[in-house]
């Protein structure tokens, strides 16, 4: 092949001659989007040779989720597998990695490693400088990244898939204000504070209660992080004080600890209790009238939407709206509306 022709294809595609050579000779190491540009330019230039297919092998997609043993992430991991199976092994190969939430540096290293082996990445990640740096590295290599559940707004991601966490917190605040016409104190229990999802839920809840229920008092959120024992201690300290606790809002996965604390202090059914996700425990608590409402964020819809948007990006060069295309609707669950 004449170097002049290679130069022309490279110029038309906006890449270097070495990249054109890698694509045409199928040496790998080139992002799907760049591969499409090179092949399109080669066809337009009338290159007199058989061109490789844009994608002969299945897309290699990495899904990175939390390894915590919560219902939501167990369900989400299963749902991603089922969605991938339905799409077929000829179309994609799914790689699932579970990562401890307390190890953002390990997550960052894994993201960088994936950028050399995967066509696309779907990740639940922390708001941490090294994670942001790793995502910038992925973007520089042309690897599309979709964040799920917890958004990383300063990262160069393709889009975010998840519920509006601020809206969820505001909804919980509205429900609490409607349920409580009497004075008293409402406790807020939060998950990990290094996740914007929990911070947004608390901020939304606090904002609505301040507007609609000034007769209710709020203190700082109790954050046990990953330690149930720490959360038990914090709950005990607050519930044993001479206070009138009339409500509890829990943004995280400590419903066992919260319900046990309410039982110890004979507050089950007397205290308005709102949390997130519908699963075996929260369903039982709803049935027993211990839990007033739970806001379910629909794990299956997260998996379906994230996978659909990733494949559209890889196969059609589709660029979704950062939030609109990936928005998932949450559902308010009561003792009367689950099967």
Protein backbone atom coordinates (compact mmCIF):
# COMPACT_ATOMS: atom_id res chain seq x y z
CA UNK A 1 0.00 0.00 0.00
CA UNK A 2 1.41 3.35 -0.94
CA UNK A 3 2.34 5.60 1.98
CA UNK A 4 0.55 8.47 0.18
CA UNK A 5 -2.74 6.58 0.49
CA UNK A 6 -2.12 5.84 4.16
CA UNK A 7 -1.39 9.52 4.74
CA UNK A 8 -4.64 10.49 3.05
CA UNK A 9 -6.72 8.03 5.14
CA UNK A 10 -5.00 9.23 8.32
CA UNK A 11 -5.74 12.87 7.48
CA UNK A 12 -9.38 12.14 6.65
CA UNK A 13 -9.83 10.22 9.92
CA UNK A 14 -7.95 12.76 11.98
CA UNK A 15 -5.46 10.19 13.32
CA UNK A 16 -1.85 9.20 12.79
CA UNK A 17 -0.54 6.85 10.09
CA UNK A 18 0.42 4.32 12.77
CA UNK A 19 -3.20 4.17 13.95
CA UNK A 20 -4.40 3.57 10.38
CA UNK A 21 -1.87 0.75 10.04
CA UNK A 22 -3.06 -0.85 13.31
CA UNK A 23 -6.70 -0.76 12.20
CA UNK A 24 -6.19 -2.01 8.67
CA UNK A 25 -3.92 -4.84 9.80
CA UNK A 26 -6.08 -5.67 12.86
CA UNK A 27 -3.30 -5.28 15.40
CA UNK A 28 -5.69 -4.07 18.13
CA UNK A 29 -5.21 -1.32 20.70
CA UNK A 30 -7.54 1.14 18.94
CA UNK A 31 -10.88 2.24 20.38
CA UNK A 32 -14.08 1.22 18.55
CA UNK A 33 -14.93 4.82 17.70
CA UNK A 34 -11.49 5.48 16.15
CA UNK A 35 -11.68 2.16 14.28
CA UNK A 36 -14.98 3.25 12.72
CA UNK A 37 -13.47 6.60 11.67
CA UNK A 38 -10.49 4.92 10.02
CA UNK A 39 -12.60 2.36 8.14
CA UNK A 40 -15.05 5.04 7.03
CA UNK A 41 -12.15 7.17 5.72
CA UNK A 42 -10.62 4.16 3.96
CA UNK A 43 -13.87 3.47 2.16
CA UNK A 44 -14.29 7.13 1.17
CA UNK A 45 -10.70 7.22 -0.07
CA UNK A 46 -11.44 4.19 -2.28
CA UNK A 47 -8.71 2.09 -0.72
CA UNK A 48 -8.00 -0.83 -3.05
CA UNK A 49 -7.93 -3.65 -0.52
CA UNK A 50 -10.26 -5.79 1.56
CA UNK A 51 -11.12 -3.90 4.74
CA UNK A 52 -11.54 -5.65 8.08
CA UNK A 53 -14.94 -5.74 9.69
CA UNK A 54 -15.52 -2.98 12.22
CA UNK A 55 -16.30 -5.53 14.91
CA UNK A 56 -15.63 -9.18 14.26
CA UNK A 57 -15.55 -10.22 17.92
CA UNK A 58 -18.03 -9.49 20.72
CA UNK A 59 -17.76 -6.22 22.61
CA UNK A 60 -15.77 -6.62 25.82
CA UNK A 61 -17.70 -4.74 28.53
CA UNK A 62 -16.56 -4.39 32.13
CA UNK A 63 -19.09 -3.85 34.93
CA UNK A 64 -17.60 -2.81 38.27
CA UNK A 65 -19.91 -2.89 41.28
CA UNK A 66 -19.64 -2.74 45.05
CA UNK A 67 -18.73 -5.97 46.83
CA UNK A 68 -20.81 -5.06 49.88
CA UNK A 69 -23.40 -7.69 50.68
CA UNK A 70 -26.46 -5.48 50.28
CA UNK A 71 -29.53 -6.73 48.47
CA UNK A 72 -29.35 -3.99 45.83
CA UNK A 73 -25.82 -4.76 44.64
CA UNK A 74 -26.37 -8.53 44.73
CA UNK A 75 -29.47 -8.02 42.59
CA UNK A 76 -27.71 -5.56 40.28
CA UNK A 77 -24.85 -8.01 39.61
CA UNK A 78 -27.35 -10.77 38.75
CA UNK A 79 -29.40 -8.42 36.56
CA UNK A 80 -26.37 -7.36 34.52
CA UNK A 81 -25.58 -11.03 33.87
CA UNK A 82 -29.14 -11.79 32.78
CA UNK A 83 -29.32 -8.73 30.52
CA UNK A 84 -26.01 -9.70 28.88
CA UNK A 85 -27.17 -13.30 28.38
CA UNK A 86 -30.36 -12.07 26.71
CA UNK A 87 -28.30 -9.94 24.29
CA UNK A 88 -26.17 -12.96 23.36
CA UNK A 89 -22.55 -14.00 23.63
CA UNK A 90 -21.90 -13.14 19.97
CA UNK A 91 -22.73 -9.52 20.65
CA UNK A 92 -20.88 -8.96 23.93
CA UNK A 93 -18.80 -10.55 26.65
CA UNK A 94 -19.58 -9.27 30.13
CA UNK A 95 -16.83 -9.05 32.75
CA UNK A 96 -18.09 -8.39 36.29
CA UNK A 97 -15.77 -7.19 39.05
CA UNK A 98 -16.87 -6.58 42.64
CA UNK A 99 -14.77 -4.01 44.49
CA UNK A 100 -14.74 -3.00 48.17
CA UNK A 101 -16.09 0.51 48.65
CA UNK A 102 -13.20 1.28 51.03
CA UNK A 103 -10.57 0.83 48.30
CA UNK A 104 -10.84 3.71 45.79
CA UNK A 105 -7.15 3.42 44.88
CA UNK A 106 -7.66 -0.22 43.90
CA UNK A 107 -10.68 0.79 41.83
CA UNK A 108 -8.61 3.47 40.09
CA UNK A 109 -5.89 0.95 39.17
CA UNK A 110 -8.50 -1.48 37.87
CA UNK A 111 -10.10 1.21 35.69
CA UNK A 112 -6.73 2.02 34.11
CA UNK A 113 -6.11 -1.68 33.48
CA UNK A 114 -9.57 -2.09 31.92
CA UNK A 115 -8.92 0.80 29.55
CA UNK A 116 -6.39 -1.41 27.72
CA UNK A 117 -8.60 -4.52 27.53
CA UNK A 118 -12.25 -3.45 27.35
CA UNK A 119 -14.35 -1.60 24.80
CA UNK A 120 -16.60 -0.03 27.46
CA UNK A 121 -16.83 0.29 31.25
CA UNK A 122 -19.87 0.57 33.54
CA UNK A 123 -18.85 1.53 37.08
CA UNK A 124 -20.14 2.26 40.56
CA UNK A 125 -17.38 4.41 42.01
CA UNK A 126 -16.43 6.78 44.77
CA UNK A 127 -15.91 10.54 44.58
CA UNK A 128 -12.15 10.23 44.97
CA UNK A 129 -9.30 12.07 43.14
CA UNK A 130 -7.62 8.87 41.94
CA UNK A 131 -10.90 7.53 40.57
CA UNK A 132 -11.39 10.79 38.65
CA UNK A 133 -7.84 10.56 37.29
CA UNK A 134 -8.44 6.98 36.16
CA UNK A 135 -11.66 7.96 34.38
CA UNK A 136 -9.82 10.80 32.63
CA UNK A 137 -7.29 8.21 31.49
CA UNK A 138 -10.11 6.04 30.09
CA UNK A 139 -11.55 9.05 28.24
CA UNK A 140 -8.14 9.87 26.75
CA UNK A 141 -7.99 6.34 25.34
CA UNK A 142 -11.47 6.70 23.86
CA UNK A 143 -13.10 4.15 26.18
CA UNK A 144 -16.71 5.10 27.01
CA UNK A 145 -17.59 4.97 30.72
CA UNK A 146 -21.07 4.96 32.25
CA UNK A 147 -21.49 5.59 35.97
CA UNK A 148 -24.33 3.81 37.80
CA UNK A 149 -26.15 4.60 41.06
CA UNK A 150 -23.57 7.10 42.33
CA UNK A 151 -22.80 9.91 39.90
CA UNK A 152 -19.30 11.35 39.43
CA UNK A 153 -20.24 14.75 37.99
CA UNK A 154 -16.68 16.00 37.46
CA UNK A 155 -15.59 12.89 35.57
CA UNK A 156 -15.49 12.68 31.74
CA UNK A 157 -18.13 9.93 31.59
CA UNK A 158 -20.47 9.09 28.73
CA UNK A 159 -23.52 9.44 30.98
CA UNK A 160 -24.97 8.48 34.36
CA UNK A 161 -27.60 5.79 34.92
CA UNK A 162 -29.61 6.00 38.11
CA UNK A 163 -32.40 7.67 40.01
CA UNK A 164 -32.37 11.35 40.91
CA UNK A 165 -30.98 10.94 44.43
CA UNK A 166 -31.82 14.49 45.50
CA UNK A 167 -35.40 13.95 44.32
CA UNK A 168 -35.56 10.68 46.27
CA UNK A 169 -34.46 12.45 49.44
CA UNK A 170 -36.99 15.23 48.85
CA UNK A 171 -39.72 12.63 48.35
CA UNK A 172 -38.81 10.98 51.64
CA UNK A 173 -38.93 14.41 53.29
CA UNK A 174 -42.38 15.10 51.84
CA UNK A 175 -43.70 11.74 53.07
CA UNK A 176 -42.26 12.37 56.53
CA UNK A 177 -43.76 15.87 56.74
CA UNK A 178 -47.18 14.56 55.69
CA UNK A 179 -47.07 11.81 58.31
CA UNK A 180 -45.97 13.96 61.24
CA UNK A 181 -48.15 16.81 62.40
CA UNK A 182 -46.78 16.64 65.94
CA UNK A 183 -43.54 18.10 67.25
CA UNK A 184 -40.48 15.97 67.81
CA UNK A 185 -37.10 14.99 66.47
CA UNK A 186 -36.32 13.09 63.28
CA UNK A 187 -33.12 11.07 63.06
CA UNK A 188 -31.28 10.73 59.76
CA UNK A 189 -29.11 7.66 59.20
CA UNK A 190 -26.72 7.83 56.25
CA UNK A 191 -24.61 5.43 54.24
CA UNK A 192 -21.02 6.23 53.21
CA UNK A 193 -20.48 9.99 53.09
CA UNK A 194 -17.92 9.67 50.27
CA UNK A 195 -20.82 8.82 47.93
CA UNK A 196 -22.77 11.74 46.54
CA UNK A 197 -25.89 9.54 46.39
CA UNK A 198 -26.18 9.52 50.19
CA UNK A 199 -25.25 13.18 50.53
CA UNK A 200 -27.92 14.16 47.98
CA UNK A 201 -30.58 12.06 49.71
CA UNK A 202 -29.83 13.71 53.05
CA UNK A 203 -29.71 17.19 51.49
CA UNK A 204 -33.06 16.71 49.76
CA UNK A 205 -34.69 15.30 52.88
CA UNK A 206 -33.39 18.11 55.08
CA UNK A 207 -34.48 20.79 52.59
CA UNK A 208 -38.10 19.63 52.36
CA UNK A 209 -38.48 19.17 56.11
CA UNK A 210 -37.18 22.69 56.70
CA UNK A 211 -39.77 24.05 54.25
CA UNK A 212 -42.78 21.92 55.15
CA UNK A 213 -42.28 20.83 58.76
CA UNK A 214 -40.51 23.52 60.80
CA UNK A 215 -42.00 21.93 63.93
CA UNK A 216 -39.67 18.94 63.43
CA UNK A 217 -36.04 19.17 64.50
CA UNK A 218 -33.10 17.53 62.71
CA UNK A 219 -29.58 16.91 63.92
CA UNK A 220 -26.57 15.83 61.86
CA UNK A 221 -26.93 12.51 60.03
CA UNK A 222 -25.62 9.43 61.81
CA UNK A 223 -23.02 7.85 59.52
CA UNK A 224 -21.80 4.41 60.48
CA UNK A 225 -19.90 4.01 57.19
CA UNK A 226 -19.22 0.28 56.73
CA UNK A 227 -19.46 -0.58 60.42
CA UNK A 228 -22.81 -1.89 61.71
CA UNK A 229 -21.35 -1.79 65.23
CA UNK A 230 -20.60 1.94 64.91
CA UNK A 231 -24.13 2.55 63.66
CA UNK A 232 -25.63 0.55 66.55
CA UNK A 233 -23.66 2.65 69.02
CA UNK A 234 -24.73 5.92 67.39
CA UNK A 235 -28.38 4.85 67.36
CA UNK A 236 -28.23 3.78 70.99
CA UNK A 237 -26.70 7.09 72.05
CA UNK A 238 -29.41 9.07 70.28
CA UNK A 239 -32.38 6.92 71.28
CA UNK A 240 -31.45 6.77 74.98
CA UNK A 241 -31.19 10.52 75.35
CA UNK A 242 -34.15 12.37 76.79
CA UNK A 243 -35.63 13.20 73.39
CA UNK A 244 -38.91 12.69 71.62
CA UNK A 245 -37.95 10.72 68.47
CA UNK A 246 -40.90 10.69 66.07
CA UNK A 247 -39.22 9.73 62.78
CA UNK A 248 -36.19 8.03 61.23
CA UNK A 249 -34.95 8.36 57.66
CA UNK A 250 -32.32 5.82 56.58
CA UNK A 251 -30.47 6.34 53.27
CA UNK A 252 -28.32 3.20 53.51
CA UNK A 253 -28.43 -0.54 54.08
CA UNK A 254 -28.67 -0.72 57.88
CA UNK A 255 -32.36 -1.54 58.18
CA UNK A 256 -31.61 -4.51 60.43
CA UNK A 257 -29.77 -2.28 62.90
CA UNK A 258 -32.42 0.45 62.77
CA UNK A 259 -35.35 -1.95 63.28
CA UNK A 260 -33.57 -3.67 66.19
CA UNK A 261 -32.90 -0.30 67.84
CA UNK A 262 -36.56 0.68 67.46
CA UNK A 263 -37.58 -2.63 69.04
CA UNK A 264 -35.24 -2.15 72.01
CA UNK A 265 -36.74 1.26 72.69
CA UNK A 266 -40.34 0.16 72.04
CA UNK A 267 -40.69 2.54 69.09
CA UNK A 268 -41.73 0.03 66.43
CA UNK A 269 -44.95 1.24 64.84
CA UNK A 270 -44.83 4.47 66.85
CA UNK A 271 -42.03 6.13 64.90
CA UNK A 272 -42.39 7.02 61.19
CA UNK A 273 -39.63 5.05 59.50
CA UNK A 274 -38.63 5.60 55.85
CA UNK A 275 -35.81 3.84 53.99
CA UNK A 276 -34.68 2.66 50.53
CA UNK A 277 -35.05 -0.61 48.53
CA UNK A 278 -37.66 -3.35 48.67
CA UNK A 279 -36.25 -6.76 49.64
CA UNK A 280 -37.03 -9.54 52.13
CA UNK A 281 -36.31 -7.52 55.28
CA UNK A 282 -37.98 -4.27 54.24
CA UNK A 283 -40.99 -6.22 52.96
CA UNK A 284 -41.38 -7.91 56.36
CA UNK A 285 -41.00 -4.55 58.14
CA UNK A 286 -43.68 -3.05 55.91
CA UNK A 287 -46.03 -5.96 56.61
CA UNK A 288 -45.50 -5.57 60.37
CA UNK A 289 -46.11 -1.80 60.20
CA UNK A 290 -42.59 -1.13 61.51
CA UNK A 291 -41.58 0.54 58.26
CA UNK A 292 -43.80 3.25 56.77
CA UNK A 293 -42.35 3.55 53.24
CA UNK A 294 -39.41 2.33 51.22
CA UNK A 295 -38.21 3.97 47.99
CA UNK A 296 -37.14 1.28 45.53
CA UNK A 297 -34.71 2.23 42.76
CA UNK A 298 -35.22 -0.76 40.44
CA UNK A 299 -31.93 -2.62 39.94
CA UNK A 300 -33.08 -4.34 36.74
CA UNK A 301 -33.80 -1.04 35.03
CA UNK A 302 -30.29 0.18 35.92
CA UNK A 303 -28.76 -2.86 34.19
CA UNK A 304 -30.99 -2.66 31.12
CA UNK A 305 -30.51 1.05 30.58
CA UNK A 306 -26.76 1.05 31.17
CA UNK A 307 -26.20 -1.87 28.78
CA UNK A 308 -28.45 -0.40 26.09
CA UNK A 309 -26.71 2.97 26.19
CA UNK A 310 -23.26 1.38 26.15
CA UNK A 311 -24.06 -0.72 23.07
CA UNK A 312 -25.57 2.26 21.27
CA UNK A 313 -22.40 4.22 21.98
CA UNK A 314 -20.17 1.42 20.69
CA UNK A 315 -22.23 0.42 17.67
CA UNK A 316 -23.79 3.71 16.58
CA UNK A 317 -21.43 6.30 18.11
CA UNK A 318 -24.50 7.55 20.01
CA UNK A 319 -23.83 10.30 22.55
CA UNK A 320 -26.58 10.26 25.19
CA UNK A 321 -27.64 13.17 27.33
CA UNK A 322 -25.66 12.85 30.55
CA UNK A 323 -28.75 12.51 32.75
CA UNK A 324 -31.95 12.32 30.70
CA UNK A 325 -31.17 9.11 28.78
CA UNK A 326 -30.02 7.25 31.89
CA UNK A 327 -32.68 8.37 34.33
CA UNK A 328 -34.31 5.56 36.29
CA UNK A 329 -37.61 6.14 38.07
CA UNK A 330 -37.94 5.08 41.70
CA UNK A 331 -41.12 3.67 43.25
CA UNK A 332 -42.67 4.45 46.63
CA UNK A 333 -43.49 1.08 48.20
CA UNK A 334 -45.98 0.56 51.04
CA UNK A 335 -47.49 -2.47 52.73
CA UNK A 336 -50.26 -2.36 50.12
CA UNK A 337 -48.51 -2.21 46.75
CA UNK A 338 -46.01 -5.07 46.46
CA UNK A 339 -46.70 -8.61 45.28
